[in-house]
């Protein structure tokens, strides 16, 4: 299959590229390298350094003629979206709209959008949140990701398969430790450097952590589906930030206590995603436990962090 992957130099995007090239697909990566890294790029993929609002994007599509588009590119920090909601909207809404427009014009067969489950539902009425839970984002990030999801519903014709994966908190090897998001990678970088680890809030906030290989499984299954759908991709269980700290401390032999700081605005207290629909509609379920996933991630950071 010929597939365009936006944000294919980032943590999740480059992992998808690797998996799909291994499966025999022809991949074109579009990334402006604002947060993606050139060293993440698979040398077997074509690559164009481009902003998704660039007028030349249409020519790239018409030259490559993709059958599918996987939209990973995004501004992913809740904190940064609070500080600069215009930047967040430009990256998560306007860029996405231009991508949708050109995808429609080039007659792609399917669009697979990586949305958010963690920032979509707000403070939940019930847990785990299923896809019918009220949508009430409390950050510009959650709102911008939801807005593009609604645009997909609204403007993409039914002749194109529309597939939305609402992801939990994805973690794993290659995750960026320098950004404002990705607590596992940030903790590991501090621990291996022997620096103080900061926890925003009391650390009891609960997240639904999903290991990257489980995400890749969901994407491969989704590409083979012949129907449109919207599903949560989460573990179905919650883990607190304090628990993540304790597990990683044991993995890295880190002995220092964390520093607790004021909670960031826009962060929810608890989120757990129901994956019942993913199990029934996609025959997908997570395979990697939080303990195994953190061990694998810690091992990767130990071997690659200083390179």
C-alpha atoms as a PDB file:
ATOM      1  CA  UNK A   1       0.000   0.000   0.000  1.00  0.00           C
ATOM      2  CA  UNK A   2       1.186   3.539  -0.763  1.00  0.00           C
ATOM      3  CA  UNK A   3       0.845   5.580   2.426  1.00  0.00           C
ATOM      4  CA  UNK A   4       1.618   9.166   3.391  1.00  0.00           C
ATOM      5  CA  UNK A   5       2.461   9.586   7.078  1.00  0.00           C
ATOM      6  CA  UNK A   6       2.524  13.099   8.513  1.00  0.00           C
ATOM      7  CA  UNK A   7       4.783  13.681  11.476  1.00  0.00           C
ATOM      8  CA  UNK A   8       6.756  10.611  10.453  1.00  0.00           C
ATOM      9  CA  UNK A   9       9.954  11.855  12.109  1.00  0.00           C
ATOM     10  CA  UNK A  10       8.358  12.030  15.544  1.00  0.00           C
ATOM     11  CA  UNK A  11       8.139   9.375  18.243  1.00  0.00           C
ATOM     12  CA  UNK A  12       4.847   7.778  17.228  1.00  0.00           C
ATOM     13  CA  UNK A  13       5.071   8.641  13.529  1.00  0.00           C
ATOM     14  CA  UNK A  14       8.548   7.196  12.978  1.00  0.00           C
ATOM     15  CA  UNK A  15       7.572   4.040  14.849  1.00  0.00           C
ATOM     16  CA  UNK A  16       4.610   3.645  12.491  1.00  0.00           C
ATOM     17  CA  UNK A  17       6.889   4.188   9.493  1.00  0.00           C
ATOM     18  CA  UNK A  18       9.256   1.456  10.663  1.00  0.00           C
ATOM     19  CA  UNK A  19       6.432  -1.025  11.230  1.00  0.00           C
ATOM     20  CA  UNK A  20       4.692  -0.367   7.908  1.00  0.00           C
ATOM     21  CA  UNK A  21       7.901  -0.490   5.878  1.00  0.00           C
ATOM     22  CA  UNK A  22       8.710  -3.805   7.560  1.00  0.00           C
ATOM     23  CA  UNK A  23       5.249  -4.985   6.432  1.00  0.00           C
ATOM     24  CA  UNK A  24       6.084  -4.126   2.806  1.00  0.00           C
ATOM     25  CA  UNK A  25       4.316  -0.797   2.345  1.00  0.00           C
ATOM     26  CA  UNK A  26       5.608   2.171   0.325  1.00  0.00           C
ATOM     27  CA  UNK A  27       5.881   5.189   2.627  1.00  0.00           C
ATOM     28  CA  UNK A  28       6.226   8.920   2.107  1.00  0.00           C
ATOM     29  CA  UNK A  29       6.945  10.921   5.275  1.00  0.00           C
ATOM     30  CA  UNK A  30       5.891  14.550   5.568  1.00  0.00           C
ATOM     31  CA  UNK A  31       7.447  16.413   8.500  1.00  0.00           C
ATOM     32  CA  UNK A  32       8.673  19.967   9.095  1.00  0.00           C
ATOM     33  CA  UNK A  33      11.080  18.727  11.811  1.00  0.00           C
ATOM     34  CA  UNK A  34       9.777  21.246  14.346  1.00  0.00           C
ATOM     35  CA  UNK A  35       9.662  18.473  16.922  1.00  0.00           C
ATOM     36  CA  UNK A  36      10.551  15.439  14.799  1.00  0.00           C
ATOM     37  CA  UNK A  37      14.138  14.310  14.469  1.00  0.00           C
ATOM     38  CA  UNK A  38      15.990  13.559  11.265  1.00  0.00           C
ATOM     39  CA  UNK A  39      17.711  10.595  12.934  1.00  0.00           C
ATOM     40  CA  UNK A  40      14.293   8.963  13.495  1.00  0.00           C
ATOM     41  CA  UNK A  41      13.661   8.740   9.752  1.00  0.00           C
ATOM     42  CA  UNK A  42      13.678   5.318   8.149  1.00  0.00           C
ATOM     43  CA  UNK A  43      16.035   5.416   5.175  1.00  0.00           C
ATOM     44  CA  UNK A  44      13.669   3.204   3.173  1.00  0.00           C
ATOM     45  CA  UNK A  45      10.950   5.872   3.297  1.00  0.00           C
ATOM     46  CA  UNK A  46      10.706   8.874   1.020  1.00  0.00           C
ATOM     47  CA  UNK A  47      10.881  12.126   2.978  1.00  0.00           C
ATOM     48  CA  UNK A  48       9.791  15.681   2.294  1.00  0.00           C
ATOM     49  CA  UNK A  49      10.554  18.449   4.777  1.00  0.00           C
ATOM     50  CA  UNK A  50       7.357  20.477   4.531  1.00  0.00           C
ATOM     51  CA  UNK A  51       4.786  22.315   6.600  1.00  0.00           C
ATOM     52  CA  UNK A  52       1.281  20.966   6.009  1.00  0.00           C
ATOM     53  CA  UNK A  53       0.033  24.468   5.180  1.00  0.00           C
ATOM     54  CA  UNK A  54       2.566  24.775   2.351  1.00  0.00           C
ATOM     55  CA  UNK A  55       0.899  25.395  -1.054  1.00  0.00           C
ATOM     56  CA  UNK A  56       3.153  22.777  -2.678  1.00  0.00           C
ATOM     57  CA  UNK A  57       1.585  20.002  -0.589  1.00  0.00           C
ATOM     58  CA  UNK A  58      -0.948  19.316  -3.345  1.00  0.00           C
ATOM     59  CA  UNK A  59       1.807  18.620  -5.892  1.00  0.00           C
ATOM     60  CA  UNK A  60       3.413  16.130  -3.525  1.00  0.00           C
ATOM     61  CA  UNK A  61       0.133  14.246  -3.166  1.00  0.00           C
ATOM     62  CA  UNK A  62      -0.535  14.168  -6.888  1.00  0.00           C
ATOM     63  CA  UNK A  63       3.001  12.935  -7.598  1.00  0.00           C
ATOM     64  CA  UNK A  64       2.935  10.169  -4.970  1.00  0.00           C
ATOM     65  CA  UNK A  65      -0.749   9.185  -5.293  1.00  0.00           C
ATOM     66  CA  UNK A  66      -1.251   7.692  -1.821  1.00  0.00           C
ATOM     67  CA  UNK A  67      -3.927   5.123  -1.133  1.00  0.00           C
ATOM     68  CA  UNK A  68      -3.969   6.018   2.563  1.00  0.00           C
ATOM     69  CA  UNK A  69      -3.021   8.966   4.758  1.00  0.00           C
ATOM     70  CA  UNK A  70      -2.055   8.552   8.420  1.00  0.00           C
ATOM     71  CA  UNK A  71      -2.177  11.906  10.168  1.00  0.00           C
ATOM     72  CA  UNK A  72       0.210  11.903  13.156  1.00  0.00           C
ATOM     73  CA  UNK A  73       1.613  15.441  12.939  1.00  0.00           C
ATOM     74  CA  UNK A  74       0.451  17.592  15.844  1.00  0.00           C
ATOM     75  CA  UNK A  75       1.352  19.962  18.613  1.00  0.00           C
ATOM     76  CA  UNK A  76       1.040  17.507  21.517  1.00  0.00           C
ATOM     77  CA  UNK A  77       1.724  19.504  24.689  1.00  0.00           C
ATOM     78  CA  UNK A  78      -1.216  20.465  26.908  1.00  0.00           C
ATOM     79  CA  UNK A  79       1.005  23.026  28.642  1.00  0.00           C
ATOM     80  CA  UNK A  80       2.162  24.614  25.395  1.00  0.00           C
ATOM     81  CA  UNK A  81      -1.404  24.771  24.124  1.00  0.00           C
ATOM     82  CA  UNK A  82      -2.312  26.815  27.200  1.00  0.00           C
ATOM     83  CA  UNK A  83       0.603  29.194  26.643  1.00  0.00           C
ATOM     84  CA  UNK A  84      -0.025  29.653  22.909  1.00  0.00           C
ATOM     85  CA  UNK A  85      -3.456  28.450  21.775  1.00  0.00           C
ATOM     86  CA  UNK A  86      -3.026  30.127  18.372  1.00  0.00           C
ATOM     87  CA  UNK A  87       0.100  28.078  17.653  1.00  0.00           C
ATOM     88  CA  UNK A  88      -1.755  24.991  18.856  1.00  0.00           C
ATOM     89  CA  UNK A  89      -4.736  25.710  16.570  1.00  0.00           C
ATOM     90  CA  UNK A  90      -2.532  26.391  13.562  1.00  0.00           C
ATOM     91  CA  UNK A  91      -0.751  23.066  13.975  1.00  0.00           C
ATOM     92  CA  UNK A  92      -3.701  20.914  14.999  1.00  0.00           C
ATOM     93  CA  UNK A  93      -6.592  22.471  13.058  1.00  0.00           C
ATOM     94  CA  UNK A  94      -5.457  24.592  10.112  1.00  0.00           C
ATOM     95  CA  UNK A  95      -2.659  22.258   9.015  1.00  0.00           C
ATOM     96  CA  UNK A  96      -5.009  19.328   9.359  1.00  0.00           C
ATOM     97  CA  UNK A  97      -7.712  21.048   7.331  1.00  0.00           C
ATOM     98  CA  UNK A  98      -5.317  21.656   4.461  1.00  0.00           C
ATOM     99  CA  UNK A  99      -4.261  18.013   4.634  1.00  0.00           C
ATOM    100  CA  UNK A 100      -7.897  16.865   4.522  1.00  0.00           C
ATOM    101  CA  UNK A 101      -8.682  19.123   1.565  1.00  0.00           C
ATOM    102  CA  UNK A 102      -5.784  17.790  -0.488  1.00  0.00           C
ATOM    103  CA  UNK A 103      -6.437  14.191   0.566  1.00  0.00           C
ATOM    104  CA  UNK A 104      -9.998  14.530  -0.746  1.00  0.00           C
ATOM    105  CA  UNK A 105      -8.822  16.131  -3.995  1.00  0.00           C
ATOM    106  CA  UNK A 106      -6.293  13.348  -4.601  1.00  0.00           C
ATOM    107  CA  UNK A 107      -8.923  10.616  -4.059  1.00  0.00           C
ATOM    108  CA  UNK A 108      -7.261   8.695  -1.252  1.00  0.00           C
ATOM    109  CA  UNK A 109      -9.045   5.548  -0.148  1.00  0.00           C
ATOM    110  CA  UNK A 110      -8.758   6.180   3.579  1.00  0.00           C
ATOM    111  CA  UNK A 111      -7.699   8.700   6.204  1.00  0.00           C
ATOM    112  CA  UNK A 112      -6.475   7.433   9.564  1.00  0.00           C
ATOM    113  CA  UNK A 113      -6.367  10.150  12.222  1.00  0.00           C
ATOM    114  CA  UNK A 114      -4.537   9.771  15.506  1.00  0.00           C
ATOM    115  CA  UNK A 115      -6.735  11.717  17.894  1.00  0.00           C
ATOM    116  CA  UNK A 116      -6.611  12.007  21.652  1.00  0.00           C
ATOM    117  CA  UNK A 117      -8.486   9.995  24.218  1.00  0.00           C
ATOM    118  CA  UNK A 118      -6.536  11.300  27.176  1.00  0.00           C
ATOM    119  CA  UNK A 119      -7.463  14.970  26.682  1.00  0.00           C
ATOM    120  CA  UNK A 120     -10.840  14.577  24.981  1.00  0.00           C
ATOM    121  CA  UNK A 121     -13.371  13.678  27.639  1.00  0.00           C
ATOM    122  CA  UNK A 122     -12.408  16.189  30.331  1.00  0.00           C
ATOM    123  CA  UNK A 123     -12.959  15.209  33.943  1.00  0.00           C
ATOM    124  CA  UNK A 124     -14.933  11.984  33.417  1.00  0.00           C
ATOM    125  CA  UNK A 125     -18.484  11.360  34.554  1.00  0.00           C
ATOM    126  CA  UNK A 126     -17.589   7.670  34.716  1.00  0.00           C
ATOM    127  CA  UNK A 127     -14.597   5.413  34.200  1.00  0.00           C
ATOM    128  CA  UNK A 128     -13.489   3.890  31.990  1.00  0.00           C
ATOM    129  CA  UNK A 129     -14.612   6.410  29.359  1.00  0.00           C
ATOM    130  CA  UNK A 130     -16.192   4.825  26.308  1.00  0.00           C
ATOM    131  CA  UNK A 131     -16.674   6.552  22.954  1.00  0.00           C
ATOM    132  CA  UNK A 132     -20.160   7.746  23.988  1.00  0.00           C
ATOM    133  CA  UNK A 133     -18.872   9.700  26.976  1.00  0.00           C
ATOM    134  CA  UNK A 134     -19.573  13.455  26.668  1.00  0.00           C
ATOM    135  CA  UNK A 135     -16.766  15.351  24.938  1.00  0.00           C
ATOM    136  CA  UNK A 136     -15.559  18.109  27.270  1.00  0.00           C
ATOM    137  CA  UNK A 137     -11.890  19.003  26.726  1.00  0.00           C
ATOM    138  CA  UNK A 138     -10.439  21.388  29.301  1.00  0.00           C
ATOM    139  CA  UNK A 139      -7.312  22.386  27.338  1.00  0.00           C
ATOM    140  CA  UNK A 140      -6.787  24.021  23.939  1.00  0.00           C
ATOM    141  CA  UNK A 141      -4.910  20.870  22.920  1.00  0.00           C
ATOM    142  CA  UNK A 142      -7.884  18.635  23.624  1.00  0.00           C
ATOM    143  CA  UNK A 143     -10.185  21.093  21.864  1.00  0.00           C
ATOM    144  CA  UNK A 144      -7.999  21.368  18.753  1.00  0.00           C
ATOM    145  CA  UNK A 145      -7.650  17.596  18.399  1.00  0.00           C
ATOM    146  CA  UNK A 146     -11.403  17.193  18.804  1.00  0.00           C
ATOM    147  CA  UNK A 147     -12.090  19.970  16.283  1.00  0.00           C
ATOM    148  CA  UNK A 148     -10.171  18.220  13.523  1.00  0.00           C
ATOM    149  CA  UNK A 149     -11.934  14.961  14.357  1.00  0.00           C
ATOM    150  CA  UNK A 150     -15.250  16.747  13.802  1.00  0.00           C
ATOM    151  CA  UNK A 151     -13.989  18.256  10.541  1.00  0.00           C
ATOM    152  CA  UNK A 152     -13.204  14.743   9.326  1.00  0.00           C
ATOM    153  CA  UNK A 153     -16.802  13.764  10.049  1.00  0.00           C
ATOM    154  CA  UNK A 154     -18.121  16.893   8.374  1.00  0.00           C
ATOM    155  CA  UNK A 155     -16.102  17.451   5.202  1.00  0.00           C
ATOM    156  CA  UNK A 156     -14.603  14.096   4.226  1.00  0.00           C
ATOM    157  CA  UNK A 157     -17.048  12.295   1.893  1.00  0.00           C
ATOM    158  CA  UNK A 158     -18.272   8.833   2.768  1.00  0.00           C
ATOM    159  CA  UNK A 159     -16.484   7.490  -0.318  1.00  0.00           C
ATOM    160  CA  UNK A 160     -13.299   7.825   1.758  1.00  0.00           C
ATOM    161  CA  UNK A 161     -12.933   5.573   4.797  1.00  0.00           C
ATOM    162  CA  UNK A 162     -12.632   7.697   7.942  1.00  0.00           C
ATOM    163  CA  UNK A 163     -10.788   6.028  10.781  1.00  0.00           C
ATOM    164  CA  UNK A 164     -10.144   7.732  14.130  1.00  0.00           C
ATOM    165  CA  UNK A 165      -8.032   6.258  16.910  1.00  0.00           C
ATOM    166  CA  UNK A 166      -8.409   8.101  20.214  1.00  0.00           C
ATOM    167  CA  UNK A 167      -5.129   7.285  21.876  1.00  0.00           C
ATOM    168  CA  UNK A 168      -4.282   7.042  25.536  1.00  0.00           C
ATOM    169  CA  UNK A 169      -0.916   8.186  26.897  1.00  0.00           C
ATOM    170  CA  UNK A 170       1.523   6.563  24.476  1.00  0.00           C
ATOM    171  CA  UNK A 171       5.044   5.771  25.713  1.00  0.00           C
ATOM    172  CA  UNK A 172       8.000   3.681  24.663  1.00  0.00           C
ATOM    173  CA  UNK A 173      11.443   3.709  23.042  1.00  0.00           C
ATOM    174  CA  UNK A 174      12.369   6.845  21.080  1.00  0.00           C
ATOM    175  CA  UNK A 175       9.944   9.110  22.954  1.00  0.00           C
ATOM    176  CA  UNK A 176      11.249  12.674  23.225  1.00  0.00           C
ATOM    177  CA  UNK A 177      12.419  13.554  26.737  1.00  0.00           C
ATOM    178  CA  UNK A 178      12.941  17.265  26.027  1.00  0.00           C
ATOM    179  CA  UNK A 179       9.347  18.311  25.457  1.00  0.00           C
ATOM    180  CA  UNK A 180       6.650  19.297  27.920  1.00  0.00           C
ATOM    181  CA  UNK A 181       4.782  16.002  27.491  1.00  0.00           C
ATOM    182  CA  UNK A 182       5.742  12.360  27.840  1.00  0.00           C
ATOM    183  CA  UNK A 183       6.150  11.777  31.555  1.00  0.00           C
ATOM    184  CA  UNK A 184       7.883   8.392  31.144  1.00  0.00           C
ATOM    185  CA  UNK A 185      10.612   9.775  28.876  1.00  0.00           C
ATOM    186  CA  UNK A 186      11.067  12.882  31.022  1.00  0.00           C
ATOM    187  CA  UNK A 187      11.383  10.813  34.206  1.00  0.00           C
ATOM    188  CA  UNK A 188      13.877   8.416  32.629  1.00  0.00           C
ATOM    189  CA  UNK A 189      16.098  11.190  31.313  1.00  0.00           C
ATOM    190  CA  UNK A 190      16.254  12.802  34.749  1.00  0.00           C
ATOM    191  CA  UNK A 191      16.897   9.496  36.468  1.00  0.00           C
ATOM    192  CA  UNK A 192      19.745   8.459  34.192  1.00  0.00           C
ATOM    193  CA  UNK A 193      21.336  11.896  34.639  1.00  0.00           C
ATOM    194  CA  UNK A 194      20.886  11.704  38.414  1.00  0.00           C
ATOM    195  CA  UNK A 195      18.807  14.901  38.393  1.00  0.00           C
ATOM    196  CA  UNK A 196      15.762  15.731  40.499  1.00  0.00           C
ATOM    197  CA  UNK A 197      12.453  14.508  39.063  1.00  0.00           C
ATOM    198  CA  UNK A 198       9.605  17.011  39.170  1.00  0.00           C
ATOM    199  CA  UNK A 199       5.991  15.895  39.518  1.00  0.00           C
ATOM    200  CA  UNK A 200       3.262  18.420  38.843  1.00  0.00           C
ATOM    201  CA  UNK A 201       0.433  18.087  41.358  1.00  0.00           C
ATOM    202  CA  UNK A 202       0.405  15.412  44.066  1.00  0.00           C
ATOM    203  CA  UNK A 203       1.255  12.596  41.662  1.00  0.00           C
ATOM    204  CA  UNK A 204      -2.030  10.808  42.281  1.00  0.00           C
ATOM    205  CA  UNK A 205      -3.415  11.819  38.886  1.00  0.00           C
ATOM    206  CA  UNK A 206      -4.263   8.704  36.883  1.00  0.00           C
ATOM    207  CA  UNK A 207      -3.525   8.141  33.209  1.00  0.00           C
ATOM    208  CA  UNK A 208      -4.137   5.340  30.720  1.00  0.00           C
ATOM    209  CA  UNK A 209      -0.664   4.389  29.466  1.00  0.00           C
ATOM    210  CA  UNK A 210      -0.334   2.421  26.224  1.00  0.00           C
ATOM    211  CA  UNK A 211       2.945   0.970  24.954  1.00  0.00           C
ATOM    212  CA  UNK A 212       3.972   1.972  21.439  1.00  0.00           C
ATOM    213  CA  UNK A 213       3.909  -1.572  19.978  1.00  0.00           C
ATOM    214  CA  UNK A 214       0.242  -1.888  20.941  1.00  0.00           C
ATOM    215  CA  UNK A 215      -0.451   1.343  19.057  1.00  0.00           C
ATOM    216  CA  UNK A 216       1.343  -0.039  16.001  1.00  0.00           C
ATOM    217  CA  UNK A 217      -0.774  -3.191  16.145  1.00  0.00           C
ATOM    218  CA  UNK A 218      -3.931  -1.062  16.218  1.00  0.00           C
ATOM    219  CA  UNK A 219      -2.783   0.947  13.207  1.00  0.00           C
ATOM    220  CA  UNK A 220      -1.969  -2.118  11.120  1.00  0.00           C
ATOM    221  CA  UNK A 221      -5.360  -3.635  11.921  1.00  0.00           C
ATOM    222  CA  UNK A 222      -7.099  -0.327  11.191  1.00  0.00           C
ATOM    223  CA  UNK A 223      -5.536  -0.005   7.743  1.00  0.00           C
ATOM    224  CA  UNK A 224      -6.969  -3.399   6.767  1.00  0.00           C
ATOM    225  CA  UNK A 225     -10.504  -2.553   7.886  1.00  0.00           C
ATOM    226  CA  UNK A 226     -13.048  -1.834   5.150  1.00  0.00           C
ATOM    227  CA  UNK A 227     -15.334   0.344   7.290  1.00  0.00           C
ATOM    228  CA  UNK A 228     -15.110   3.765   8.950  1.00  0.00           C
ATOM    229  CA  UNK A 229     -14.904   3.879  12.742  1.00  0.00           C
ATOM    230  CA  UNK A 230     -13.933   5.848  15.839  1.00  0.00           C
ATOM    231  CA  UNK A 231     -12.428   3.878  18.722  1.00  0.00           C
ATOM    232  CA  UNK A 232     -10.449   4.412  21.903  1.00  0.00           C
ATOM    233  CA  UNK A 233      -7.029   2.782  21.966  1.00  0.00           C
ATOM    234  CA  UNK A 234      -6.137   2.438  25.623  1.00  0.00           C
ATOM    235  CA  UNK A 235      -5.144  -0.120  28.210  1.00  0.00           C
ATOM    236  CA  UNK A 236      -8.487   0.017  30.027  1.00  0.00           C
ATOM    237  CA  UNK A 237      -6.625   0.449  33.309  1.00  0.00           C
ATOM    238  CA  UNK A 238      -5.246   3.465  35.131  1.00  0.00           C
ATOM    239  CA  UNK A 239      -1.822   4.074  36.602  1.00  0.00           C
ATOM    240  CA  UNK A 240      -0.878   7.071  38.742  1.00  0.00           C
ATOM    241  CA  UNK A 241       2.119   9.272  38.061  1.00  0.00           C
ATOM    242  CA  UNK A 242       3.479   8.282  41.475  1.00  0.00           C
ATOM    243  CA  UNK A 243       3.274   4.607  40.485  1.00  0.00           C
ATOM    244  CA  UNK A 244       5.158   5.350  37.262  1.00  0.00           C
ATOM    245  CA  UNK A 245       7.841   7.089  39.321  1.00  0.00           C
ATOM    246  CA  UNK A 246       8.164   4.136  41.699  1.00  0.00           C
ATOM    247  CA  UNK A 247       8.413   1.521  38.929  1.00  0.00           C
ATOM    248  CA  UNK A 248      11.000   3.542  36.998  1.00  0.00           C
ATOM    249  CA  UNK A 249      12.989   4.218  40.169  1.00  0.00           C
ATOM    250  CA  UNK A 250      13.345   0.469  40.677  1.00  0.00           C
ATOM    251  CA  UNK A 251      14.264  -0.083  37.019  1.00  0.00           C
ATOM    252  CA  UNK A 252      16.970   2.607  37.073  1.00  0.00           C
ATOM    253  CA  UNK A 253      18.070   2.213  40.723  1.00  0.00           C
ATOM    254  CA  UNK A 254      17.164   5.881  41.226  1.00  0.00           C
ATOM    255  CA  UNK A 255      17.235   6.810  44.930  1.00  0.00           C
ATOM    256  CA  UNK A 256      16.131  10.449  45.056  1.00  0.00           C
ATOM    257  CA  UNK A 257      12.676  11.624  46.091  1.00  0.00           C
ATOM    258  CA  UNK A 258      10.590  13.589  43.593  1.00  0.00           C
ATOM    259  CA  UNK A 259       9.918  17.312  43.879  1.00  0.00           C
ATOM    260  CA  UNK A 260       6.194  18.118  43.829  1.00  0.00           C
ATOM    261  CA  UNK A 261       5.187  21.308  42.056  1.00  0.00           C
ATOM    262  CA  UNK A 262       1.900  23.056  41.374  1.00  0.00           C
ATOM    263  CA  UNK A 263      -0.352  21.186  38.980  1.00  0.00           C
ATOM    264  CA  UNK A 264      -0.498  22.509  35.420  1.00  0.00           C
ATOM    265  CA  UNK A 265      -3.807  23.989  34.314  1.00  0.00           C
ATOM    266  CA  UNK A 266      -5.622  21.949  31.699  1.00  0.00           C
ATOM    267  CA  UNK A 267      -4.456  18.626  33.156  1.00  0.00           C
ATOM    268  CA  UNK A 268      -7.229  16.269  34.172  1.00  0.00           C
ATOM    269  CA  UNK A 269      -7.110  14.284  37.405  1.00  0.00           C
ATOM    270  CA  UNK A 270      -8.148  10.856  36.147  1.00  0.00           C
ATOM    271  CA  UNK A 271      -8.635   9.245  32.752  1.00  0.00           C
ATOM    272  CA  UNK A 272      -9.053   5.585  31.829  1.00  0.00           C
ATOM    273  CA  UNK A 273     -10.234   4.586  28.359  1.00  0.00           C
ATOM    274  CA  UNK A 274     -12.599   1.733  27.690  1.00  0.00           C
ATOM    275  CA  UNK A 275     -11.221  -0.458  24.906  1.00  0.00           C
ATOM    276  CA  UNK A 276     -14.322  -2.621  24.551  1.00  0.00           C
ATOM    277  CA  UNK A 277     -15.185  -1.133  21.144  1.00  0.00           C
ATOM    278  CA  UNK A 278     -11.641  -1.674  19.847  1.00  0.00           C
ATOM    279  CA  UNK A 279     -11.863  -5.290  20.987  1.00  0.00           C
ATOM    280  CA  UNK A 280     -15.224  -5.890  19.316  1.00  0.00           C
ATOM    281  CA  UNK A 281     -14.788  -3.816  16.141  1.00  0.00           C
ATOM    282  CA  UNK A 282     -11.059  -4.282  15.445  1.00  0.00           C
ATOM    283  CA  UNK A 283     -10.245  -7.418  17.415  1.00  0.00           C
ATOM    284  CA  UNK A 284      -7.530  -5.353  19.093  1.00  0.00           C
ATOM    285  CA  UNK A 285      -6.452  -5.477  22.705  1.00  0.00           C
ATOM    286  CA  UNK A 286      -3.238  -4.372  24.413  1.00  0.00           C
ATOM    287  CA  UNK A 287      -0.567  -7.015  24.890  1.00  0.00           C
ATOM    288  CA  UNK A 288       2.084  -5.169  26.908  1.00  0.00           C
ATOM    289  CA  UNK A 289       1.594  -4.609  30.646  1.00  0.00           C
ATOM    290  CA  UNK A 290       2.726  -1.357  32.226  1.00  0.00           C
ATOM    291  CA  UNK A 291       5.549  -3.189  34.021  1.00  0.00           C
ATOM    292  CA  UNK A 292       6.844  -4.796  30.827  1.00  0.00           C
ATOM    293  CA  UNK A 293       6.451  -1.603  28.824  1.00  0.00           C
ATOM    294  CA  UNK A 294       8.335   0.494  31.351  1.00  0.00           C
ATOM    295  CA  UNK A 295      11.099  -2.116  31.514  1.00  0.00           C
ATOM    296  CA  UNK A 296      11.457  -2.071  27.717  1.00  0.00           C
ATOM    297  CA  UNK A 297      11.455   1.731  27.650  1.00  0.00           C
ATOM    298  CA  UNK A 298      13.978   1.986  30.466  1.00  0.00           C
ATOM    299  CA  UNK A 299      16.284  -0.472  28.692  1.00  0.00           C
ATOM    300  CA  UNK A 300      16.082   1.549  25.473  1.00  0.00           C
ATOM    301  CA  UNK A 301      16.911   4.795  27.275  1.00  0.00           C
ATOM    302  CA  UNK A 302      19.798   3.120  29.054  1.00  0.00           C
ATOM    303  CA  UNK A 303      21.297   2.049  25.725  1.00  0.00           C
ATOM    304  CA  UNK A 304      20.427   5.096  23.614  1.00  0.00           C
ATOM    305  CA  UNK A 305      20.016   8.131  25.844  1.00  0.00           C
ATOM    306  CA  UNK A 306      23.558   9.458  25.475  1.00  0.00           C
ATOM    307  CA  UNK A 307      23.841   8.784  21.722  1.00  0.00           C
END
